[in-house]
Amino acid sequence: MTDTERLDFLQKLTDRNNYTGTVILREATTGRGWRLHEHSGDGAVLSVRKAIDIFAANYAVQGSA
């Protein structure tokens, strides 16, 4: 399975709207890593790829990359 196929699979799950239909990638509030998950709050977007892009851009800006 390619990375594109993996991302497409996650997008299809998101598009089902089983919960919110929006996703976010962020650091865990518990400080134990990062999470890509459906979310209804601020920062959630319709696209899995966009959620990853936003996190990557903010992560690099913070100087942690």
N, C-alpha and C. Protein backbone atom coordinates (compact mmCIF):
# COMPACT_ATOMS: atom_id res chain seq x y z
N MET A 1 0.85 -1.17 0.00
CA MET A 1 0.00 0.00 0.00
C MET A 1 0.90 1.24 0.00
N THR A 2 0.59 2.19 -0.84
CA THR A 2 1.38 3.42 -0.92
C THR A 2 0.90 4.44 0.10
N ASP A 3 1.70 5.47 0.32
CA ASP A 3 1.29 6.54 1.23
C ASP A 3 0.02 7.23 0.71
N THR A 4 -0.07 7.40 -0.60
CA THR A 4 -1.27 8.02 -1.18
C THR A 4 -2.50 7.18 -0.89
N GLU A 5 -2.39 5.88 -1.03
CA GLU A 5 -3.51 4.98 -0.74
C GLU A 5 -3.90 5.04 0.74
N ARG A 6 -2.90 5.15 1.61
CA ARG A 6 -3.19 5.26 3.04
C ARG A 6 -3.95 6.56 3.34
N LEU A 7 -3.48 7.65 2.77
CA LEU A 7 -4.15 8.94 2.99
C LEU A 7 -5.55 8.93 2.39
N ASP A 8 -5.69 8.35 1.21
CA ASP A 8 -7.01 8.24 0.58
C ASP A 8 -7.96 7.44 1.46
N PHE A 9 -7.47 6.36 2.08
CA PHE A 9 -8.28 5.54 2.98
C PHE A 9 -8.75 6.36 4.18
N LEU A 10 -7.84 7.09 4.80
CA LEU A 10 -8.22 7.94 5.94
C LEU A 10 -9.23 9.00 5.52
N GLN A 11 -9.06 9.55 4.32
CA GLN A 11 -10.00 10.56 3.84
C GLN A 11 -11.39 9.96 3.63
N LYS A 12 -11.43 8.75 3.10
CA LYS A 12 -12.73 8.09 2.90
C LYS A 12 -13.43 7.84 4.23
N LEU A 13 -12.67 7.46 5.25
CA LEU A 13 -13.26 7.30 6.59
C LEU A 13 -13.83 8.62 7.08
N THR A 14 -13.09 9.69 6.88
CA THR A 14 -13.53 11.02 7.30
C THR A 14 -14.79 11.44 6.55
N ASP A 15 -14.81 11.17 5.25
CA ASP A 15 -15.94 11.58 4.41
C ASP A 15 -17.24 10.87 4.76
N ARG A 16 -17.17 9.79 5.48
CA ARG A 16 -18.38 9.08 5.90
C ARG A 16 -19.22 9.89 6.89
N ASN A 17 -18.59 10.85 7.55
CA ASN A 17 -19.28 11.68 8.54
C ASN A 17 -19.90 10.85 9.66
N ASN A 18 -19.24 9.77 10.05
CA ASN A 18 -19.76 8.95 11.15
C ASN A 18 -19.79 9.71 12.46
N TYR A 19 -18.87 10.64 12.62
CA TYR A 19 -18.82 11.43 13.85
C TYR A 19 -18.91 12.91 13.50
N THR A 20 -17.82 13.52 13.08
CA THR A 20 -17.84 14.95 12.76
C THR A 20 -17.60 15.24 11.29
N GLY A 21 -16.86 14.37 10.62
CA GLY A 21 -16.49 14.64 9.24
C GLY A 21 -15.36 15.64 9.12
N THR A 22 -14.76 16.02 10.25
CA THR A 22 -13.61 16.91 10.24
C THR A 22 -12.51 16.30 11.10
N VAL A 23 -11.27 16.63 10.77
CA VAL A 23 -10.13 16.03 11.45
C VAL A 23 -9.13 17.09 11.89
N ILE A 24 -8.30 16.69 12.84
CA ILE A 24 -7.23 17.56 13.31
C ILE A 24 -6.02 16.69 13.63
N LEU A 25 -4.86 17.22 13.38
CA LEU A 25 -3.61 16.59 13.81
C LEU A 25 -2.99 17.55 14.81
N ARG A 26 -2.73 17.06 16.02
CA ARG A 26 -2.18 17.93 17.06
C ARG A 26 -1.43 17.09 18.08
N GLU A 27 -0.67 17.77 18.90
CA GLU A 27 -0.02 17.08 20.00
C GLU A 27 -1.08 16.70 21.02
N ALA A 28 -0.90 15.56 21.64
CA ALA A 28 -1.86 15.07 22.64
C ALA A 28 -1.87 16.01 23.85
N THR A 29 -3.04 16.22 24.38
CA THR A 29 -3.15 17.08 25.56
C THR A 29 -2.49 16.45 26.78
N THR A 30 -2.26 15.15 26.73
CA THR A 30 -1.60 14.45 27.83
C THR A 30 -0.08 14.51 27.72
N GLY A 31 0.41 15.07 26.59
CA GLY A 31 1.85 15.15 26.38
C GLY A 31 2.48 13.84 25.91
N ARG A 32 1.65 12.92 25.49
CA ARG A 32 2.14 11.60 25.08
C ARG A 32 2.06 11.41 23.58
N GLY A 33 2.71 12.27 22.82
CA GLY A 33 2.74 12.11 21.37
C GLY A 33 1.77 13.00 20.64
N TRP A 34 1.40 12.59 19.45
CA TRP A 34 0.49 13.36 18.60
C TRP A 34 -0.70 12.49 18.23
N ARG A 35 -1.75 13.17 17.78
CA ARG A 35 -3.00 12.47 17.44
C ARG A 35 -3.57 13.04 16.14
N LEU A 36 -3.99 12.15 15.26
CA LEU A 36 -4.79 12.50 14.09
C LEU A 36 -6.15 11.89 14.35
N HIS A 37 -7.15 12.73 14.53
CA HIS A 37 -8.47 12.18 14.88
C HIS A 37 -9.59 13.10 14.45
N GLU A 38 -10.78 12.52 14.39
CA GLU A 38 -11.96 13.33 14.13
C GLU A 38 -12.16 14.26 15.31
N HIS A 39 -12.57 15.47 14.99
CA HIS A 39 -12.68 16.49 16.03
C HIS A 39 -13.69 17.53 15.58
N SER A 40 -14.47 18.04 16.50
CA SER A 40 -15.47 19.04 16.15
C SER A 40 -15.07 20.45 16.55
N GLY A 41 -13.94 20.60 17.20
CA GLY A 41 -13.54 21.91 17.73
C GLY A 41 -12.74 22.76 16.76
N ASP A 42 -12.23 23.84 17.31
CA ASP A 42 -11.41 24.77 16.52
C ASP A 42 -10.21 24.06 15.92
N GLY A 43 -9.93 24.40 14.68
CA GLY A 43 -8.78 23.83 13.99
C GLY A 43 -9.08 22.59 13.17
N ALA A 44 -10.25 22.01 13.35
CA ALA A 44 -10.61 20.82 12.57
C ALA A 44 -10.93 21.22 11.13
N VAL A 45 -10.50 20.39 10.19
CA VAL A 45 -10.70 20.65 8.77
C VAL A 45 -11.30 19.42 8.08
N LEU A 46 -11.79 19.62 6.88
CA LEU A 46 -12.42 18.52 6.13
C LEU A 46 -11.43 17.55 5.52
N SER A 47 -10.20 17.97 5.33
CA SER A 47 -9.21 17.18 4.61
C SER A 47 -8.12 16.64 5.54
N VAL A 48 -7.88 15.34 5.45
CA VAL A 48 -6.80 14.71 6.21
C VAL A 48 -5.46 15.33 5.81
N ARG A 49 -5.27 15.50 4.52
CA ARG A 49 -4.01 16.07 4.04
C ARG A 49 -3.80 17.49 4.56
N LYS A 50 -4.87 18.28 4.57
CA LYS A 50 -4.77 19.66 5.06
C LYS A 50 -4.45 19.67 6.56
N ALA A 51 -5.05 18.77 7.31
CA ALA A 51 -4.76 18.68 8.75
C ALA A 51 -3.27 18.40 8.97
N ILE A 52 -2.71 17.51 8.17
CA ILE A 52 -1.29 17.18 8.27
C ILE A 52 -0.45 18.39 7.88
N ASP A 53 -0.82 19.06 6.79
CA ASP A 53 -0.08 20.23 6.32
C ASP A 53 -0.07 21.35 7.36
N ILE A 54 -1.22 21.60 7.97
CA ILE A 54 -1.32 22.65 8.98
C ILE A 54 -0.42 22.33 10.17
N PHE A 55 -0.48 21.10 10.64
CA PHE A 55 0.35 20.71 11.78
C PHE A 55 1.83 20.83 11.43
N ALA A 56 2.20 20.35 10.25
CA ALA A 56 3.61 20.40 9.83
C ALA A 56 4.10 21.84 9.74
N ALA A 57 3.28 22.74 9.19
CA ALA A 57 3.68 24.14 9.08
C ALA A 57 3.83 24.78 10.46
N ASN A 58 2.92 24.50 11.36
CA ASN A 58 3.00 25.07 12.70
C ASN A 58 4.14 24.46 13.49
N TYR A 59 4.39 23.21 13.31
CA TYR A 59 5.47 22.52 14.00
C TYR A 59 6.82 23.10 13.60
N ALA A 60 6.99 23.35 12.30
CA ALA A 60 8.23 23.92 11.79
C ALA A 60 8.42 25.35 12.30
N VAL A 61 7.34 26.11 12.39
CA VAL A 61 7.41 27.50 12.86
C VAL A 61 7.86 27.54 14.31
N GLN A 62 7.46 26.55 15.11
CA GLN A 62 7.83 26.51 16.51
C GLN A 62 9.30 26.15 16.71
N GLY A 63 9.97 25.79 15.63
CA GLY A 63 11.38 25.47 15.71
C GLY A 63 11.67 24.08 16.22
N SER A 64 10.66 23.22 16.24
CA SER A 64 10.84 21.88 16.79
C SER A 64 11.23 20.86 15.72
N ALA A 65 11.13 21.24 14.47
CA ALA A 65 11.42 20.27 13.39
C ALA A 65 12.89 20.19 13.10
